[in-house]
Amino acid sequence: MTEQELIEKIDQSSGKSVKITPRELLRCFGQERRSKFNNLHIKQFLQDNELVSSPDFLSVYMDVNVELKKKPKAKMTTSEKEEAVDYDPVSRIQLLESANRFPVTIKKECSIHEATTLMLMHDYSQLPVMNGTRQVDGLITWETIGNNLIHGGDKSMVKDFMKKNVTVIPNSTTLFDAVKFIIENEVVLIKNDTNEICGLVTATDISQQFVTISEPFLILEQIENHIRKLLDGKFSVDKLKEVANEEERSSRIESISDLTFGEYIRLMESAENWEEMKLRIDRSTFVKRLEEIRRIRNDVMHFHPDGIAEKDFDILRKTSSFFENLAGYMK
């Protein structure tokens, strides 16, 4: 669906809301993730077309429905004004996939064999013990099973093996605070604004999430290190100062390490400087790729649990590999 098709769909709704996920909304604009610039573009689109997103498309997981609807012409109610305010600047636990996936559960009256079978079948370390979507009776884990088996006795039901103290947090909890709960408890249940359990997040989920987020930072660091190595010792301090935008900034530049990524590019854009580097590769193609890296870098530095688009990840990996090959060639 394109931008125009989205507008037509909203117009055809006759004032009713149109349900769409953030992922689908991004695809209308040819994008994959919520980045600073994509967010601004979509926000402007909503404003230009007098639309509001409820809840805000930035505050929920990528595959959770939001409602797009026309702003009312008449005086807005308090709730409508709340919908129209700018997006929540805080990353919350509800942005994670696992916080939006109702967990596999078991009832306390079930047999321990059924519980262990489910845990083995799904490769889970724990199961919430629940009756319905709101009542949490406890949590059964391999640890609680092992501890109870050690003490012996004729036990055969889930209620005999579960622990009753389970941490449940709202999906509006900030990601930073939620991580602390998860580290302390290893697993937490997530509830929505109607007090229904809507997800389960483990320390493994958080670890995987932060690996996804941190990998681009590490690759960017490798790329910048390669660039500094290429430039190091090739130019005088006066030449380095020339690429600074402001005189005050120029006065603080004493080595290659003091340059920003944009200043690296400006230094290498010059045909004269390029000759000094003595690289047998095409300057225009090389600088164009660095411009792409700068765009991705700006995106990565605006931390978001969505991570970065796979196509951008691919550019980072290939660029890092290119520099590795170039370094080998220059030895």
Protein backbone atom coordinates (compact mmCIF):
# COMPACT_ATOMS: atom_id res chain seq x y z
CA MET A 1 0.00 0.00 0.00
CA THR A 2 1.30 3.46 -0.96
CA GLU A 3 0.78 6.81 0.79
CA GLN A 4 -1.97 7.69 -1.67
CA GLU A 5 -3.71 4.33 -1.21
CA LEU A 6 -3.59 4.84 2.56
CA ILE A 7 -5.26 8.25 2.24
CA GLU A 8 -7.93 6.75 -0.03
CA LYS A 9 -8.56 3.95 2.47
CA ILE A 10 -9.00 6.48 5.28
CA ASP A 11 -11.31 8.61 3.14
CA GLN A 12 -13.40 5.54 2.30
CA SER A 13 -13.79 4.70 5.99
CA SER A 14 -16.41 7.49 6.30
CA GLY A 15 -14.97 8.92 9.48
CA LYS A 16 -14.21 5.56 11.05
CA SER A 17 -10.70 4.60 12.07
CA VAL A 18 -8.41 2.48 9.90
CA LYS A 19 -6.36 -0.18 11.68
CA ILE A 20 -2.75 -0.53 10.63
CA THR A 21 0.47 -1.75 12.26
CA PRO A 22 3.55 0.49 12.47
CA ARG A 23 5.31 -2.00 10.16
CA GLU A 24 2.57 -1.64 7.53
CA LEU A 25 2.55 2.14 7.96
CA LEU A 26 6.30 2.30 7.36
CA ARG A 27 5.95 0.19 4.22
CA CYS A 28 3.54 2.78 2.82
CA PHE A 29 6.56 5.10 2.77
CA GLY A 30 9.00 2.48 1.48
CA GLN A 31 10.70 2.12 4.88
CA GLU A 32 11.41 -0.77 7.26
CA ARG A 33 11.99 0.80 10.67
CA ARG A 34 11.20 3.74 12.89
CA SER A 35 14.20 6.03 12.60
CA LYS A 36 14.47 9.73 13.42
CA PHE A 37 13.96 10.84 9.84
CA ASN A 38 11.26 8.26 8.99
CA ASN A 39 9.36 9.27 12.12
CA LEU A 40 9.47 12.95 11.20
CA HIS A 41 8.29 12.19 7.67
CA ILE A 42 5.31 10.13 8.85
CA LYS A 43 4.45 12.67 11.58
CA GLN A 44 4.39 15.37 8.91
CA PHE A 45 2.19 13.17 6.71
CA LEU A 46 -0.29 12.68 9.56
CA GLN A 47 -0.32 16.40 10.31
CA ASP A 48 -0.75 17.40 6.65
CA ASN A 49 -3.69 15.01 6.29
CA GLU A 50 -5.23 15.94 9.68
CA LEU A 51 -4.79 12.43 11.05
CA VAL A 52 -4.05 11.10 14.52
CA SER A 53 -2.59 7.74 15.49
CA SER A 54 -4.08 6.06 18.56
CA PRO A 55 -1.99 4.87 20.28
CA ASP A 56 1.00 6.62 18.77
CA PHE A 57 2.66 4.42 16.15
CA LEU A 58 6.03 5.08 17.80
CA SER A 59 5.07 3.78 21.23
CA VAL A 60 3.94 0.24 20.40
CA TYR A 61 5.51 -2.93 19.00
CA MET A 62 5.86 -3.03 15.21
CA ASP A 63 3.08 -5.59 14.66
CA VAL A 64 0.47 -4.18 17.06
CA ASN A 65 -2.46 -2.39 15.47
CA VAL A 66 -2.93 1.35 15.86
CA GLU A 67 -5.91 3.33 14.63
CA LEU A 68 -5.57 6.17 12.13
CA LYS A 69 -8.47 8.57 12.04
CA LYS A 70 -9.27 12.11 11.07
CA LYS A 71 -8.85 14.82 13.67
CA PRO A 72 -12.29 16.01 14.78
CA LYS A 73 -13.33 19.39 13.40
CA ALA A 74 -15.17 20.38 16.52
CA LYS A 75 -13.65 21.16 19.89
CA MET A 76 -11.62 18.18 21.05
CA THR A 77 -12.31 16.32 24.26
CA THR A 78 -9.55 15.75 26.81
CA SER A 79 -8.87 12.21 25.53
CA GLU A 80 -8.70 13.43 21.93
CA LYS A 81 -6.21 16.12 22.90
CA GLU A 82 -4.08 13.44 24.56
CA GLU A 83 -4.08 11.47 21.30
CA ALA A 84 -2.94 14.52 19.36
CA VAL A 85 0.10 15.28 21.51
CA ASP A 86 3.61 14.51 20.30
CA TYR A 87 5.04 11.03 20.63
CA ASP A 88 6.38 9.51 23.82
CA PRO A 89 10.17 10.12 23.85
CA VAL A 90 10.77 7.20 26.23
CA SER A 91 11.38 3.63 25.02
CA ARG A 92 9.06 1.27 26.88
CA ILE A 93 8.98 -2.51 27.31
CA GLN A 94 5.91 -2.77 25.04
CA LEU A 95 8.21 -2.10 22.06
CA LEU A 96 9.65 -5.64 22.35
CA GLU A 97 8.10 -8.54 20.47
CA SER A 98 8.09 -10.87 23.48
CA ALA A 99 6.16 -8.27 25.49
CA ASN A 100 3.34 -8.57 22.95
CA ARG A 101 3.12 -12.35 22.66
CA PHE A 102 0.80 -14.13 25.09
CA PRO A 103 2.90 -16.88 26.69
CA VAL A 104 2.27 -20.60 26.79
CA THR A 105 0.67 -21.18 30.19
CA ILE A 106 -0.52 -24.03 32.37
CA LYS A 107 -3.08 -24.37 35.16
CA LYS A 108 -2.06 -25.28 38.70
CA GLU A 109 -4.33 -28.36 38.65
CA CYS A 110 -2.46 -29.87 35.70
CA SER A 111 0.09 -32.67 36.12
CA ILE A 112 3.78 -31.93 36.39
CA HIS A 113 4.32 -34.27 33.42
CA GLU A 114 2.15 -32.04 31.24
CA ALA A 115 4.15 -29.01 32.37
CA THR A 116 7.54 -30.57 31.65
CA THR A 117 6.29 -31.85 28.29
CA LEU A 118 5.24 -28.33 27.29
CA MET A 119 8.54 -26.90 28.49
CA LEU A 120 10.55 -29.46 26.51
CA MET A 121 8.34 -29.13 23.45
CA HIS A 122 8.73 -25.33 23.29
CA ASP A 123 12.29 -25.25 24.68
CA TYR A 124 11.16 -23.02 27.56
CA SER A 125 12.80 -22.69 30.95
CA GLN A 126 9.57 -21.64 32.61
CA LEU A 127 5.78 -21.57 32.32
CA PRO A 128 3.40 -19.07 33.92
CA VAL A 129 0.76 -20.82 36.00
CA MET A 130 -2.46 -19.05 35.11
CA ASN A 131 -6.22 -19.37 35.04
CA GLY A 132 -7.47 -17.11 32.24
CA THR A 133 -5.65 -14.04 30.99
CA ARG A 134 -5.52 -12.04 34.25
CA GLN A 135 -5.12 -14.47 37.16
CA VAL A 136 -1.47 -15.36 37.72
CA ASP A 137 -1.09 -18.13 40.31
CA GLY A 138 2.65 -18.60 40.02
CA LEU A 139 5.55 -19.69 37.85
CA ILE A 140 6.98 -23.14 37.29
CA THR A 141 10.63 -23.46 36.21
CA TRP A 142 13.24 -26.18 35.91
CA GLU A 143 14.72 -24.74 39.09
CA THR A 144 11.49 -24.99 41.08
CA ILE A 145 10.94 -28.52 39.75
CA GLY A 146 14.45 -29.55 40.75
CA ASN A 147 14.22 -28.00 44.21
CA ASN A 148 10.93 -29.76 44.94
CA LEU A 149 12.13 -33.12 43.65
CA ILE A 150 15.11 -32.93 45.99
CA HIS A 151 12.76 -32.71 48.98
CA GLY A 152 10.90 -35.80 47.80
CA GLY A 153 7.32 -36.55 48.68
CA ASP A 154 4.37 -37.69 46.62
CA LYS A 155 3.91 -34.64 44.40
CA SER A 156 2.36 -34.77 40.96
CA MET A 157 0.58 -31.45 40.30
CA VAL A 158 1.87 -28.13 39.01
CA LYS A 159 0.78 -26.32 42.17
CA ASP A 160 3.24 -28.48 44.14
CA PHE A 161 6.19 -27.30 42.04
CA MET A 162 5.47 -23.63 41.35
CA LYS A 163 6.69 -20.50 43.06
CA LYS A 164 3.98 -18.01 43.91
CA ASN A 165 5.95 -14.79 43.76
CA VAL A 166 5.91 -13.65 40.14
CA THR A 167 6.94 -10.20 38.95
CA VAL A 168 4.31 -8.56 36.76
CA ILE A 169 4.97 -5.13 35.27
CA PRO A 170 2.84 -2.82 33.07
CA ASN A 171 3.74 -2.65 29.39
CA SER A 172 4.19 1.09 29.90
CA THR A 173 7.26 0.45 32.11
CA THR A 174 10.35 2.13 30.67
CA LEU A 175 12.75 -0.25 28.98
CA PHE A 176 15.51 0.86 31.36
CA ASP A 177 13.45 0.06 34.48
CA ALA A 178 12.13 -3.17 32.97
CA VAL A 179 15.66 -4.43 32.32
CA LYS A 180 16.46 -4.03 36.02
CA PHE A 181 13.40 -6.12 36.97
CA ILE A 182 14.34 -8.79 34.41
CA ILE A 183 17.97 -9.01 35.57
CA GLU A 184 16.80 -9.36 39.17
CA ASN A 185 14.07 -11.94 38.47
CA GLU A 186 15.26 -13.55 35.20
CA VAL A 187 11.69 -13.45 33.90
CA VAL A 188 8.78 -11.00 34.16
CA LEU A 189 5.21 -11.08 32.94
CA ILE A 190 3.86 -8.05 31.10
CA LYS A 191 0.31 -6.74 31.55
CA ASN A 192 -1.58 -4.28 29.37
CA ASP A 193 -3.79 -1.36 30.39
CA THR A 194 -6.72 -3.74 31.01
CA ASN A 195 -4.57 -5.84 33.39
CA GLU A 196 -4.45 -8.78 30.99
CA ILE A 197 -1.15 -10.61 30.63
CA CYS A 198 0.13 -9.82 27.16
CA GLY A 199 3.72 -11.08 27.22
CA LEU A 200 6.64 -12.69 29.02
CA VAL A 201 10.18 -11.30 28.82
CA THR A 202 13.26 -13.20 29.95
CA ALA A 203 16.90 -12.28 30.43
CA THR A 204 17.60 -14.18 27.19
CA ASP A 205 15.15 -11.94 25.31
CA ILE A 206 16.90 -8.85 26.63
CA SER A 207 20.33 -10.27 25.78
CA GLN A 208 19.26 -11.00 22.20
CA GLN A 209 17.70 -7.56 21.89
CA PHE A 210 20.85 -5.78 23.00
CA VAL A 211 23.04 -7.90 20.71
CA THR A 212 20.83 -6.79 17.82
CA ILE A 213 21.11 -3.16 18.88
CA SER A 214 24.83 -3.18 19.75
CA GLU A 215 26.17 -4.93 16.63
CA PRO A 216 25.75 -1.83 14.37
CA PHE A 217 27.64 0.26 16.97
CA LEU A 218 30.52 -2.21 16.91
CA ILE A 219 30.67 -2.35 13.10
CA LEU A 220 30.58 1.45 12.89
CA GLU A 221 33.46 1.63 15.33
CA GLN A 222 35.46 -0.77 13.12
CA ILE A 223 34.71 1.35 10.04
CA GLU A 224 35.77 4.57 11.78
CA ASN A 225 38.96 2.93 13.01
CA HIS A 226 39.77 1.88 9.44
CA ILE A 227 39.14 5.43 8.19
CA ARG A 228 41.39 6.94 10.84
CA LYS A 229 44.12 4.46 9.92
CA LEU A 230 43.82 5.44 6.23
CA LEU A 231 44.10 9.13 7.06
CA ASP A 232 46.63 9.01 9.88
CA GLY A 233 49.93 10.72 9.03
CA LYS A 234 48.75 11.84 5.57
CA PHE A 235 47.85 15.46 6.40
CA SER A 236 49.16 18.33 8.46
CA VAL A 237 47.17 19.70 11.40
CA ASP A 238 46.46 22.86 9.36
CA LYS A 239 44.96 20.74 6.60
CA LEU A 240 42.77 18.93 9.13
CA LYS A 241 41.56 22.23 10.56
CA GLU A 242 40.37 23.32 7.09
CA VAL A 243 37.53 20.78 7.07
CA ALA A 244 35.96 22.15 10.28
CA ASN A 245 32.80 24.22 9.79
CA GLU A 246 33.50 26.71 12.54
CA GLU A 247 36.62 28.54 13.67
CA GLU A 248 36.00 27.60 17.30
CA ARG A 249 35.79 23.92 16.38
CA SER A 250 38.87 24.24 14.17
CA SER A 251 40.94 25.43 17.11
CA ARG A 252 40.26 22.16 18.95
CA ILE A 253 41.48 19.88 16.14
CA GLU A 254 44.95 18.49 16.74
CA SER A 255 44.82 15.04 15.13
CA ILE A 256 42.74 12.74 12.92
CA SER A 257 40.95 11.45 16.03
CA ASP A 258 39.46 14.92 16.61
CA LEU A 259 37.52 14.90 13.32
CA THR A 260 33.85 14.01 13.04
CA PHE A 261 32.62 11.47 10.50
CA GLY A 262 31.35 14.30 8.29
CA GLU A 263 34.78 15.95 8.43
CA TYR A 264 36.42 12.69 7.31
CA ILE A 265 34.21 12.82 4.24
CA ARG A 266 34.95 16.49 3.53
CA LEU A 267 38.67 15.77 3.79
CA MET A 268 38.46 12.96 1.22
CA GLU A 269 36.07 14.77 -1.14
CA SER A 270 38.95 16.99 -2.24
CA ALA A 271 40.73 15.63 -5.32
CA GLU A 272 43.97 17.15 -4.04
CA ASN A 273 43.68 15.41 -0.67
CA TRP A 274 42.72 12.16 -2.36
CA GLU A 275 45.96 12.19 -4.30
CA GLU A 276 47.86 12.47 -1.02
CA MET A 277 46.24 9.29 0.22
CA LYS A 278 47.54 7.28 -2.76
CA LEU A 279 44.59 4.90 -2.86
CA ARG A 280 44.00 3.00 -6.10
CA ILE A 281 40.22 3.05 -5.74
CA ASP A 282 37.58 5.39 -7.17
CA ARG A 283 37.14 8.48 -4.98
CA SER A 284 33.56 9.23 -6.05
CA THR A 285 32.31 5.70 -5.34
CA PHE A 286 34.19 5.57 -2.05
CA VAL A 287 32.85 8.91 -0.80
CA LYS A 288 29.31 7.99 -1.89
CA ARG A 289 29.48 4.86 0.28
CA LEU A 290 30.77 6.91 3.22
CA GLU A 291 27.77 9.23 2.85
CA GLU A 292 25.55 6.17 3.17
CA ILE A 293 27.46 5.13 6.27
CA ARG A 294 27.02 8.60 7.75
CA ARG A 295 23.25 8.38 7.21
CA ILE A 296 23.13 4.98 8.89
CA ARG A 297 25.40 6.21 11.67
CA ASN A 298 23.04 9.11 12.44
CA ASP A 299 20.20 6.60 12.56
CA VAL A 300 22.05 4.17 14.83
CA MET A 301 23.02 6.90 17.29
CA HIS A 302 19.31 7.56 17.91
CA PHE A 303 18.86 4.40 19.96
CA HIS A 304 15.64 2.51 19.28
CA PRO A 305 14.66 -1.08 20.15
CA ASP A 306 13.59 -1.65 16.53
CA GLY A 307 17.26 -1.79 15.55
CA ILE A 308 18.18 -0.84 11.97
CA ALA A 309 16.85 -1.93 8.60
CA GLU A 310 18.35 -5.15 7.22
CA LYS A 311 19.46 -3.37 4.04
CA ASP A 312 21.43 -0.89 6.20
CA PHE A 313 22.89 -3.78 8.21
CA ASP A 314 24.02 -5.29 4.92
CA ILE A 315 25.71 -2.02 3.90
CA LEU A 316 27.55 -1.87 7.23
CA ARG A 317 28.77 -5.46 6.99
CA LYS A 318 29.90 -5.12 3.38
CA THR A 319 31.66 -1.82 4.09
CA SER A 320 33.49 -3.32 7.05
CA SER A 321 34.54 -6.25 4.86
CA PHE A 322 35.66 -3.82 2.14
CA PHE A 323 37.94 -2.01 4.58
CA GLU A 324 39.37 -5.34 5.81
CA ASN A 325 40.21 -6.28 2.20
CA LEU A 326 41.61 -2.82 1.51
CA ALA A 327 43.84 -3.04 4.58
CA GLY A 328 45.17 -6.40 3.40
CA TYR A 329 45.80 -5.02 -0.08
CA MET A 330 47.81 -2.07 1.29
CA LYS A 331 50.17 -4.20 3.40
